[in-house]
Amino acid sequence: MAFFREGFSIKIPERLETDRLYIRPFIDKDWEPFFSFMRDEKATQYLSFIAEQKTYKGAEELFSMIIDRYGKENQIFVMAVIRKSDDQYVGAIGLMPVEGSTDVEVFYTLLPKYWGKGYATEATHRLFAYVFSESDVQRIVASIFPANEASEKVAERVGMAYKGFVMRKLQGGRVKLYTLSREQFFSR
């Protein structure tokens, strides 16, 4: 499976692993926790979903599209984050191209009951290790809403540096930009 944008492609792995987590493509059994996530206002408050995507029908269409596009040129690079100890869906992590740039942007989101346990940091670090080792990506960025302090902490813990405010259409305005280069990642 590949996430494609002119100039590079990233193979979506069958599974990444950390001490406490599996990170893998979504599968049918993830539907119920995915829908629970989509309906949770706290979990989605800093994400760019439209209201329709949070309905049963809209979430089902999005979920089906994610799964159906795996392995295709227009796929969405998003993976489920699963806790090893009980096989529970914790959240999602993924990458998307940055318009007008060769950078890729990371996104991560967890169900609120899993906040504050280090899962986002653990999953993000593992994804970065994979991306920088298995692709030609030179820089990963994160666009973070100013009020999302927890996401800023994750970015900082994985070695990303704050670069200032930028305008992002997808996020609807000014966001804080964090970046990490391949060189910075491997020199840590």
N, C-alpha and C. Protein backbone atom coordinates (compact mmCIF):
# COMPACT_ATOMS: atom_id res chain seq x y z
N MET A 1 0.84 -1.19 0.00
CA MET A 1 0.00 0.00 0.00
C MET A 1 0.88 1.24 0.00
N ALA A 2 0.52 2.23 -0.76
CA ALA A 2 1.34 3.43 -0.83
C ALA A 2 0.49 4.69 -0.69
N PHE A 3 1.04 5.65 -0.01
CA PHE A 3 0.45 6.99 0.04
C PHE A 3 1.23 7.77 -1.00
N PHE A 4 0.57 8.27 -2.02
CA PHE A 4 1.30 8.85 -3.14
C PHE A 4 1.07 10.34 -3.25
N ARG A 5 2.12 11.03 -3.52
CA ARG A 5 2.08 12.42 -3.95
C ARG A 5 3.28 12.60 -4.84
N GLU A 6 3.14 13.38 -5.87
CA GLU A 6 4.23 13.55 -6.81
C GLU A 6 5.54 13.78 -6.06
N GLY A 7 6.53 12.98 -6.34
CA GLY A 7 7.84 13.16 -5.73
C GLY A 7 8.18 12.14 -4.66
N PHE A 8 7.19 11.46 -4.10
CA PHE A 8 7.51 10.43 -3.12
C PHE A 8 6.31 9.52 -2.91
N SER A 9 6.55 8.38 -2.33
CA SER A 9 5.46 7.50 -1.90
C SER A 9 5.90 6.84 -0.61
N ILE A 10 4.93 6.60 0.22
CA ILE A 10 5.19 5.95 1.50
C ILE A 10 4.33 4.69 1.55
N LYS A 11 4.95 3.58 1.73
CA LYS A 11 4.23 2.31 1.86
C LYS A 11 3.56 2.27 3.24
N ILE A 12 2.28 1.97 3.26
CA ILE A 12 1.59 1.80 4.54
C ILE A 12 1.96 0.41 5.05
N PRO A 13 2.56 0.33 6.22
CA PRO A 13 2.98 -0.98 6.73
C PRO A 13 1.80 -1.83 7.18
N GLU A 14 2.01 -3.14 7.17
CA GLU A 14 0.97 -4.03 7.68
C GLU A 14 0.77 -3.81 9.17
N ARG A 15 1.87 -3.54 9.88
CA ARG A 15 1.75 -3.26 11.31
C ARG A 15 3.06 -2.70 11.82
N LEU A 16 2.95 -1.68 12.65
CA LEU A 16 4.07 -1.16 13.41
C LEU A 16 3.81 -1.53 14.86
N GLU A 17 4.87 -1.63 15.63
CA GLU A 17 4.70 -2.07 17.01
C GLU A 17 5.56 -1.22 17.94
N THR A 18 5.01 -0.94 19.14
CA THR A 18 5.76 -0.30 20.21
C THR A 18 5.63 -1.20 21.43
N ASP A 19 6.14 -0.77 22.55
CA ASP A 19 6.02 -1.58 23.76
C ASP A 19 4.56 -1.86 24.12
N ARG A 20 3.69 -0.86 23.93
CA ARG A 20 2.30 -1.00 24.37
C ARG A 20 1.27 -0.99 23.26
N LEU A 21 1.69 -0.70 22.02
CA LEU A 21 0.72 -0.46 20.96
C LEU A 21 1.04 -1.23 19.68
N TYR A 22 -0.04 -1.48 18.92
CA TYR A 22 0.06 -1.88 17.52
C TYR A 22 -0.49 -0.71 16.71
N ILE A 23 0.12 -0.44 15.59
CA ILE A 23 -0.39 0.57 14.67
C ILE A 23 -0.57 -0.15 13.34
N ARG A 24 -1.80 -0.22 12.87
CA ARG A 24 -2.09 -1.02 11.68
C ARG A 24 -3.20 -0.35 10.86
N PRO A 25 -3.35 -0.76 9.60
CA PRO A 25 -4.48 -0.25 8.82
C PRO A 25 -5.81 -0.60 9.50
N PHE A 26 -6.80 0.23 9.27
CA PHE A 26 -8.13 -0.05 9.82
C PHE A 26 -8.68 -1.33 9.22
N ILE A 27 -9.47 -2.05 10.02
CA ILE A 27 -10.17 -3.24 9.56
C ILE A 27 -11.63 -3.11 9.99
N ASP A 28 -12.48 -3.97 9.46
CA ASP A 28 -13.92 -3.86 9.70
C ASP A 28 -14.28 -3.80 11.18
N LYS A 29 -13.59 -4.55 12.03
CA LYS A 29 -13.95 -4.58 13.45
C LYS A 29 -13.67 -3.26 14.17
N ASP A 30 -12.99 -2.33 13.50
CA ASP A 30 -12.73 -1.02 14.09
C ASP A 30 -13.91 -0.06 13.93
N TRP A 31 -14.95 -0.47 13.21
CA TRP A 31 -16.05 0.45 12.92
C TRP A 31 -16.68 1.05 14.19
N GLU A 32 -17.07 0.21 15.14
CA GLU A 32 -17.77 0.74 16.32
C GLU A 32 -16.92 1.74 17.10
N PRO A 33 -15.66 1.43 17.44
CA PRO A 33 -14.87 2.45 18.14
C PRO A 33 -14.59 3.68 17.27
N PHE A 34 -14.46 3.49 15.95
CA PHE A 34 -14.26 4.63 15.05
C PHE A 34 -15.48 5.54 15.11
N PHE A 35 -16.67 4.97 15.05
CA PHE A 35 -17.89 5.78 15.11
C PHE A 35 -18.02 6.46 16.48
N SER A 36 -17.69 5.74 17.52
CA SER A 36 -17.69 6.34 18.87
C SER A 36 -16.77 7.55 18.90
N PHE A 37 -15.61 7.41 18.30
CA PHE A 37 -14.66 8.52 18.22
C PHE A 37 -15.27 9.69 17.44
N MET A 38 -15.86 9.41 16.28
CA MET A 38 -16.42 10.47 15.44
C MET A 38 -17.54 11.23 16.15
N ARG A 39 -18.25 10.57 17.04
CA ARG A 39 -19.36 11.20 17.77
C ARG A 39 -18.90 11.94 19.02
N ASP A 40 -17.65 11.77 19.40
CA ASP A 40 -17.14 12.37 20.63
C ASP A 40 -16.63 13.79 20.36
N GLU A 41 -17.32 14.77 20.90
CA GLU A 41 -16.97 16.18 20.66
C GLU A 41 -15.56 16.51 21.17
N LYS A 42 -15.18 15.97 22.31
CA LYS A 42 -13.84 16.24 22.83
C LYS A 42 -12.76 15.65 21.93
N ALA A 43 -13.00 14.45 21.46
CA ALA A 43 -11.99 13.76 20.63
C ALA A 43 -11.79 14.46 19.29
N THR A 44 -12.84 15.07 18.76
CA THR A 44 -12.76 15.65 17.42
C THR A 44 -12.69 17.18 17.41
N GLN A 45 -12.59 17.80 18.58
CA GLN A 45 -12.66 19.26 18.64
C GLN A 45 -11.58 19.98 17.84
N TYR A 46 -10.43 19.39 17.65
CA TYR A 46 -9.35 20.05 16.91
C TYR A 46 -9.13 19.45 15.52
N LEU A 47 -10.10 18.68 15.07
CA LEU A 47 -9.98 18.05 13.75
C LEU A 47 -10.92 18.72 12.76
N SER A 48 -10.65 18.53 11.50
CA SER A 48 -11.37 19.24 10.44
C SER A 48 -12.50 18.43 9.81
N PHE A 49 -13.27 17.74 10.63
CA PHE A 49 -14.41 16.99 10.10
C PHE A 49 -15.59 17.93 9.94
N ILE A 50 -16.37 17.71 8.90
CA ILE A 50 -17.61 18.47 8.74
C ILE A 50 -18.71 17.75 9.52
N ALA A 51 -19.78 18.47 9.83
CA ALA A 51 -20.86 17.91 10.67
C ALA A 51 -21.41 16.61 10.09
N GLU A 52 -21.56 16.54 8.79
CA GLU A 52 -22.11 15.35 8.16
C GLU A 52 -21.25 14.11 8.42
N GLN A 53 -19.93 14.28 8.50
CA GLN A 53 -19.05 13.14 8.74
C GLN A 53 -19.21 12.58 10.15
N LYS A 54 -19.85 13.32 11.03
CA LYS A 54 -20.04 12.86 12.40
C LYS A 54 -21.38 12.14 12.58
N THR A 55 -22.20 12.10 11.52
CA THR A 55 -23.43 11.32 11.57
C THR A 55 -23.10 9.86 11.30
N TYR A 56 -24.04 8.98 11.58
CA TYR A 56 -23.80 7.56 11.33
C TYR A 56 -23.46 7.34 9.86
N LYS A 57 -24.29 7.89 8.97
CA LYS A 57 -24.07 7.70 7.53
C LYS A 57 -22.74 8.31 7.09
N GLY A 58 -22.46 9.51 7.52
CA GLY A 58 -21.22 10.18 7.12
C GLY A 58 -19.98 9.47 7.63
N ALA A 59 -20.03 9.04 8.88
CA ALA A 59 -18.88 8.32 9.46
C ALA A 59 -18.69 6.97 8.77
N GLU A 60 -19.81 6.31 8.46
CA GLU A 60 -19.74 5.03 7.77
C GLU A 60 -19.11 5.19 6.38
N GLU A 61 -19.50 6.25 5.67
CA GLU A 61 -18.93 6.51 4.35
C GLU A 61 -17.43 6.79 4.45
N LEU A 62 -17.03 7.59 5.43
CA LEU A 62 -15.61 7.89 5.62
C LEU A 62 -14.82 6.63 5.95
N PHE A 63 -15.35 5.83 6.88
CA PHE A 63 -14.69 4.59 7.29
C PHE A 63 -14.54 3.64 6.09
N SER A 64 -15.61 3.49 5.32
CA SER A 64 -15.56 2.62 4.14
C SER A 64 -14.57 3.14 3.11
N MET A 65 -14.54 4.46 2.93
CA MET A 65 -13.60 5.05 1.98
C MET A 65 -12.16 4.78 2.40
N ILE A 66 -11.87 4.92 3.69
CA ILE A 66 -10.51 4.66 4.19
C ILE A 66 -10.09 3.23 3.85
N ILE A 67 -10.95 2.28 4.22
CA ILE A 67 -10.63 0.87 3.99
C ILE A 67 -10.58 0.54 2.49
N ASP A 68 -11.55 1.03 1.74
CA ASP A 68 -11.62 0.73 0.30
C ASP A 68 -10.43 1.29 -0.47
N ARG A 69 -9.87 2.39 -0.01
CA ARG A 69 -8.77 3.02 -0.75
C ARG A 69 -7.39 2.48 -0.38
N TYR A 70 -7.28 1.67 0.67
CA TYR A 70 -5.97 1.10 0.98
C TYR A 70 -5.45 0.38 -0.26
N GLY A 71 -4.19 0.62 -0.57
CA GLY A 71 -3.56 -0.03 -1.70
C GLY A 71 -3.78 0.65 -3.04
N LYS A 72 -4.54 1.74 -3.03
CA LYS A 72 -4.79 2.48 -4.27
C LYS A 72 -4.02 3.79 -4.26
N GLU A 73 -3.86 4.36 -5.44
CA GLU A 73 -3.08 5.59 -5.57
C GLU A 73 -3.68 6.74 -4.76
N ASN A 74 -4.99 6.78 -4.61
CA ASN A 74 -5.64 7.88 -3.90
C ASN A 74 -5.99 7.52 -2.45
N GLN A 75 -5.25 6.59 -1.88
CA GLN A 75 -5.57 6.16 -0.52
C GLN A 75 -5.32 7.26 0.51
N ILE A 76 -5.90 7.07 1.65
CA ILE A 76 -5.71 7.96 2.79
C ILE A 76 -4.75 7.25 3.73
N PHE A 77 -3.64 7.89 4.07
CA PHE A 77 -2.66 7.28 4.96
C PHE A 77 -3.12 7.51 6.40
N VAL A 78 -3.93 6.59 6.88
CA VAL A 78 -4.40 6.65 8.27
C VAL A 78 -4.43 5.23 8.80
N MET A 79 -4.00 5.09 10.06
CA MET A 79 -3.91 3.77 10.68
C MET A 79 -4.54 3.80 12.06
N ALA A 80 -5.04 2.66 12.48
CA ALA A 80 -5.61 2.53 13.82
C ALA A 80 -4.50 2.31 14.83
N VAL A 81 -4.68 2.89 16.01
CA VAL A 81 -3.76 2.68 17.12
C VAL A 81 -4.48 1.76 18.11
N ILE A 82 -3.88 0.60 18.38
CA ILE A 82 -4.50 -0.45 19.18
C ILE A 82 -3.63 -0.76 20.39
N ARG A 83 -4.25 -0.83 21.57
CA ARG A 83 -3.50 -1.19 22.77
C ARG A 83 -3.28 -2.70 22.79
N LYS A 84 -2.03 -3.10 22.96
CA LYS A 84 -1.66 -4.52 22.94
C LYS A 84 -2.31 -5.32 24.06
N SER A 85 -2.35 -4.75 25.25
CA SER A 85 -2.76 -5.52 26.43
C SER A 85 -4.18 -6.06 26.33
N ASP A 86 -5.07 -5.37 25.61
CA ASP A 86 -6.46 -5.82 25.52
C ASP A 86 -7.07 -5.65 24.12
N ASP A 87 -6.24 -5.36 23.14
CA ASP A 87 -6.68 -5.21 21.76
C ASP A 87 -7.74 -4.12 21.58
N GLN A 88 -7.68 -3.09 22.42
CA GLN A 88 -8.65 -1.99 22.35
C GLN A 88 -8.19 -0.90 21.40
N TYR A 89 -9.15 -0.35 20.67
CA TYR A 89 -8.92 0.78 19.78
C TYR A 89 -8.67 2.01 20.65
N VAL A 90 -7.52 2.63 20.46
CA VAL A 90 -7.12 3.81 21.24
C VAL A 90 -7.36 5.08 20.43
N GLY A 91 -7.10 5.03 19.12
CA GLY A 91 -7.24 6.21 18.28
C GLY A 91 -6.70 5.95 16.90
N ALA A 92 -6.25 7.03 16.26
CA ALA A 92 -5.75 6.93 14.89
C ALA A 92 -4.55 7.85 14.71
N ILE A 93 -3.74 7.51 13.74
CA ILE A 93 -2.57 8.32 13.38
C ILE A 93 -2.39 8.22 11.88
N GLY A 94 -1.87 9.28 11.29
CA GLY A 94 -1.66 9.23 9.86
C GLY A 94 -0.84 10.39 9.34
N LEU A 95 -0.76 10.44 8.03
CA LEU A 95 0.01 11.46 7.33
C LEU A 95 -0.80 11.99 6.17
N MET A 96 -0.54 13.24 5.82
CA MET A 96 -1.14 13.80 4.62
C MET A 96 -0.16 14.77 3.99
N PRO A 97 -0.25 14.95 2.67
CA PRO A 97 0.65 15.88 2.00
C PRO A 97 0.33 17.31 2.40
N VAL A 98 1.35 18.15 2.41
CA VAL A 98 1.17 19.58 2.65
C VAL A 98 1.12 20.26 1.29
N GLU A 99 0.03 20.93 1.02
CA GLU A 99 -0.16 21.59 -0.27
C GLU A 99 0.99 22.55 -0.57
N GLY A 100 1.53 22.43 -1.77
CA GLY A 100 2.60 23.33 -2.20
C GLY A 100 3.95 23.06 -1.57
N SER A 101 4.14 21.85 -1.03
CA SER A 101 5.37 21.52 -0.31
C SER A 101 5.71 20.05 -0.51
N THR A 102 6.95 19.69 -0.21
CA THR A 102 7.33 18.27 -0.21
C THR A 102 7.20 17.67 1.18
N ASP A 103 6.79 18.48 2.16
CA ASP A 103 6.60 18.00 3.52
C ASP A 103 5.37 17.10 3.61
N VAL A 104 5.34 16.28 4.64
CA VAL A 104 4.12 15.57 5.01
C VAL A 104 3.72 16.03 6.40
N GLU A 105 2.42 16.00 6.64
CA GLU A 105 1.90 16.43 7.94
C GLU A 105 1.39 15.23 8.71
N VAL A 106 1.77 15.15 9.96
CA VAL A 106 1.30 14.09 10.83
C VAL A 106 0.02 14.55 11.52
N PHE A 107 -0.88 13.61 11.75
CA PHE A 107 -2.03 13.86 12.62
C PHE A 107 -2.20 12.66 13.52
N TYR A 108 -2.62 12.92 14.72
CA TYR A 108 -2.85 11.87 15.70
C TYR A 108 -4.02 12.29 16.56
N THR A 109 -4.82 11.32 16.94
CA THR A 109 -5.98 11.61 17.77
C THR A 109 -6.37 10.36 18.53
N LEU A 110 -6.74 10.56 19.77
CA LEU A 110 -7.10 9.44 20.65
C LEU A 110 -8.47 9.65 21.26
N LEU A 111 -9.12 8.57 21.61
CA LEU A 111 -10.33 8.67 22.42
C LEU A 111 -9.95 9.28 23.76
N PRO A 112 -10.77 10.17 24.31
CA PRO A 112 -10.41 10.87 25.55
C PRO A 112 -10.03 9.97 26.72
N LYS A 113 -10.61 8.78 26.82
CA LYS A 113 -10.26 7.91 27.95
C LYS A 113 -8.81 7.44 27.90
N TYR A 114 -8.14 7.65 26.76
CA TYR A 114 -6.74 7.25 26.63
C TYR A 114 -5.78 8.44 26.66
N TRP A 115 -6.30 9.63 26.88
CA TRP A 115 -5.44 10.82 26.97
C TRP A 115 -4.56 10.75 28.21
N GLY A 116 -3.40 11.34 28.13
CA GLY A 116 -2.51 11.47 29.29
C GLY A 116 -1.73 10.22 29.65
N LYS A 117 -1.73 9.23 28.80
CA LYS A 117 -1.04 7.97 29.09
C LYS A 117 0.21 7.77 28.22
N GLY A 118 0.53 8.74 27.38
CA GLY A 118 1.71 8.65 26.54
C GLY A 118 1.51 7.89 25.24
N TYR A 119 0.29 7.46 24.95
CA TYR A 119 0.05 6.67 23.74
C TYR A 119 0.30 7.48 22.46
N ALA A 120 -0.13 8.73 22.43
CA ALA A 120 0.07 9.55 21.22
C ALA A 120 1.55 9.74 20.95
N THR A 121 2.32 10.01 22.00
CA THR A 121 3.76 10.18 21.84
C THR A 121 4.40 8.89 21.33
N GLU A 122 4.03 7.78 21.93
CA GLU A 122 4.59 6.48 21.56
C GLU A 122 4.28 6.14 20.09
N ALA A 123 3.03 6.33 19.69
CA ALA A 123 2.63 6.02 18.32
C ALA A 123 3.30 6.96 17.32
N THR A 124 3.36 8.24 17.67
CA THR A 124 3.95 9.23 16.76
C THR A 124 5.44 8.97 16.56
N HIS A 125 6.14 8.69 17.64
CA HIS A 125 7.57 8.40 17.52
C HIS A 125 7.80 7.18 16.63
N ARG A 126 6.99 6.16 16.81
CA ARG A 126 7.15 4.95 15.99
C ARG A 126 6.85 5.23 14.52
N LEU A 127 5.81 6.01 14.26
CA LEU A 127 5.49 6.35 12.88
C LEU A 127 6.63 7.15 12.24
N PHE A 128 7.20 8.10 12.99
CA PHE A 128 8.32 8.89 12.46
C PHE A 128 9.51 7.99 12.13
N ALA A 129 9.81 7.05 13.01
CA ALA A 129 10.93 6.14 12.77
C ALA A 129 10.69 5.36 11.47
N TYR A 130 9.48 4.91 11.28
CA TYR A 130 9.14 4.19 10.06
C TYR A 130 9.28 5.09 8.83
N VAL A 131 8.67 6.26 8.87
CA VAL A 131 8.67 7.15 7.70
C VAL A 131 10.09 7.56 7.32
N PHE A 132 10.89 7.97 8.29
CA PHE A 132 12.24 8.42 7.97
C PHE A 132 13.16 7.27 7.55
N SER A 133 12.85 6.05 7.97
CA SER A 133 13.67 4.89 7.58
C SER A 133 13.25 4.28 6.25
N GLU A 134 11.97 4.36 5.94
CA GLU A 134 11.44 3.62 4.79
C GLU A 134 10.98 4.49 3.62
N SER A 135 11.19 5.79 3.69
CA SER A 135 10.77 6.66 2.60
C SER A 135 11.81 7.76 2.38
N ASP A 136 11.56 8.58 1.39
CA ASP A 136 12.46 9.70 1.13
C ASP A 136 11.97 11.01 1.73
N VAL A 137 10.99 10.96 2.60
CA VAL A 137 10.48 12.16 3.26
C VAL A 137 11.62 12.83 4.04
N GLN A 138 11.76 14.12 3.84
CA GLN A 138 12.83 14.87 4.51
C GLN A 138 12.33 15.64 5.73
N ARG A 139 11.02 15.96 5.77
CA ARG A 139 10.52 16.74 6.91
C ARG A 139 9.06 16.41 7.16
N ILE A 140 8.74 16.26 8.43
CA ILE A 140 7.37 16.05 8.88
C ILE A 140 6.96 17.28 9.66
N VAL A 141 5.73 17.74 9.42
CA VAL A 141 5.22 18.91 10.13
C VAL A 141 3.95 18.53 10.88
N ALA A 142 3.60 19.37 11.84
CA ALA A 142 2.32 19.25 12.56
C ALA A 142 1.73 20.65 12.65
N SER A 143 0.46 20.78 12.27
CA SER A 143 -0.27 22.03 12.40
C SER A 143 -1.21 21.88 13.59
N ILE A 144 -0.98 22.68 14.62
CA ILE A 144 -1.68 22.48 15.89
C ILE A 144 -2.45 23.74 16.28
N PHE A 145 -3.74 23.56 16.59
CA PHE A 145 -4.53 24.69 17.06
C PHE A 145 -3.91 25.23 18.34
N PRO A 146 -3.87 26.56 18.50
CA PRO A 146 -3.24 27.16 19.68
C PRO A 146 -3.77 26.65 21.02
N ALA A 147 -5.03 26.29 21.09
CA ALA A 147 -5.61 25.81 22.35
C ALA A 147 -5.29 24.35 22.65
N ASN A 148 -4.72 23.63 21.70
CA ASN A 148 -4.47 22.20 21.86
C ASN A 148 -3.09 21.95 22.48
N GLU A 149 -2.98 22.26 23.75
CA GLU A 149 -1.70 22.14 24.46
C GLU A 149 -1.20 20.70 24.52
N ALA A 150 -2.11 19.75 24.65
CA ALA A 150 -1.69 18.34 24.73
C ALA A 150 -1.00 17.91 23.43
N SER A 151 -1.52 18.36 22.30
CA SER A 151 -0.89 18.01 21.03
C SER A 151 0.47 18.68 20.88
N GLU A 152 0.59 19.90 21.40
CA GLU A 152 1.90 20.56 21.38
C GLU A 152 2.92 19.76 22.18
N LYS A 153 2.49 19.24 23.32
CA LYS A 153 3.40 18.44 24.16
C LYS A 153 3.86 17.18 23.43
N VAL A 154 2.93 16.54 22.72
CA VAL A 154 3.30 15.36 21.94
C VAL A 154 4.36 15.74 20.90
N ALA A 155 4.10 16.81 20.17
CA ALA A 155 5.05 17.26 19.14
C ALA A 155 6.43 17.52 19.75
N GLU A 156 6.46 18.18 20.88
CA GLU A 156 7.74 18.48 21.53
C GLU A 156 8.44 17.21 22.01
N ARG A 157 7.67 16.26 22.56
CA ARG A 157 8.27 15.02 23.08
C ARG A 157 8.89 14.17 21.98
N VAL A 158 8.35 14.27 20.77
CA VAL A 158 8.92 13.47 19.68
C VAL A 158 10.01 14.24 18.92
N GLY A 159 10.37 15.40 19.44
CA GLY A 159 11.50 16.14 18.88
C GLY A 159 11.16 17.25 17.90
N MET A 160 9.88 17.51 17.71
CA MET A 160 9.49 18.58 16.79
C MET A 160 9.76 19.94 17.42
N ALA A 161 10.08 20.92 16.58
CA ALA A 161 10.39 22.27 17.04
C ALA A 161 9.30 23.24 16.56
N TYR A 162 8.90 24.14 17.45
CA TYR A 162 7.92 25.17 17.12
C TYR A 162 8.54 26.19 16.19
N LYS A 163 7.85 26.49 15.09
CA LYS A 163 8.38 27.42 14.08
C LYS A 163 7.58 28.71 13.97
N GLY A 164 6.43 28.79 14.62
CA GLY A 164 5.61 30.00 14.53
C GLY A 164 4.21 29.67 14.02
N PHE A 165 3.44 30.72 13.78
CA PHE A 165 2.07 30.56 13.29
C PHE A 165 2.06 30.53 11.76
N VAL A 166 1.17 29.72 11.20
CA VAL A 166 0.94 29.68 9.76
C VAL A 166 -0.57 29.63 9.52
N MET A 167 -0.96 29.97 8.32
CA MET A 167 -2.37 29.87 7.92
C MET A 167 -2.56 28.53 7.21
N ARG A 168 -3.60 27.81 7.61
CA ARG A 168 -3.91 26.53 6.98
C ARG A 168 -5.41 26.52 6.65
N LYS A 169 -5.74 26.36 5.37
CA LYS A 169 -7.14 26.31 4.95
C LYS A 169 -7.87 25.15 5.62
N LEU A 170 -7.25 23.99 5.60
CA LEU A 170 -7.90 22.79 6.12
C LEU A 170 -8.29 22.95 7.58
N GLN A 171 -7.45 23.60 8.37
CA GLN A 171 -7.75 23.79 9.78
C GLN A 171 -8.54 25.08 10.02
N GLY A 172 -8.77 25.85 8.99
CA GLY A 172 -9.64 27.01 9.11
C GLY A 172 -9.00 28.24 9.73
N GLY A 173 -7.70 28.40 9.62
CA GLY A 173 -7.09 29.62 10.14
C GLY A 173 -5.67 29.43 10.62
N ARG A 174 -5.32 30.24 11.62
CA ARG A 174 -3.96 30.22 12.16
C ARG A 174 -3.73 29.01 13.05
N VAL A 175 -2.62 28.36 12.82
CA VAL A 175 -2.22 27.22 13.64
C VAL A 175 -0.74 27.34 13.95
N LYS A 176 -0.31 26.64 14.98
CA LYS A 176 1.11 26.59 15.32
C LYS A 176 1.77 25.51 14.48
N LEU A 177 2.90 25.86 13.89
CA LEU A 177 3.62 24.91 13.05
C LEU A 177 4.79 24.33 13.83
N TYR A 178 4.85 22.99 13.87
CA TYR A 178 5.97 22.25 14.44
C TYR A 178 6.59 21.45 13.32
N THR A 179 7.92 21.31 13.34
CA THR A 179 8.60 20.56 12.29
C THR A 179 9.68 19.65 12.86
N LEU A 180 9.98 18.60 12.10
CA LEU A 180 11.09 17.71 12.43
C LEU A 180 11.67 17.20 11.12
N SER A 181 12.97 17.40 10.93
CA SER A 181 13.62 16.90 9.71
C SER A 181 14.18 15.50 9.95
N ARG A 182 14.43 14.82 8.87
CA ARG A 182 15.07 13.50 8.92
C ARG A 182 16.37 13.59 9.71
N GLU A 183 17.20 14.59 9.39
CA GLU A 183 18.49 14.76 10.06
C GLU A 183 18.31 14.97 11.56
N GLN A 184 17.36 15.79 11.94
CA GLN A 184 17.11 16.03 13.37
C GLN A 184 16.65 14.75 14.06
N PHE A 185 15.79 13.99 13.39
CA PHE A 185 15.28 12.76 13.99
C PHE A 185 16.41 11.78 14.28
N PHE A 186 17.30 11.58 13.31
CA PHE A 186 18.36 10.60 13.48
C PHE A 186 19.52 11.09 14.33
N SER A 187 19.59 12.39 14.60
CA SER A 187 20.67 12.90 15.45
C SER A 187 20.26 12.96 16.92
N ARG A 188 19.05 12.57 17.24
CA ARG A 188 18.56 12.61 18.63
C ARG A 188 19.08 11.43 19.40
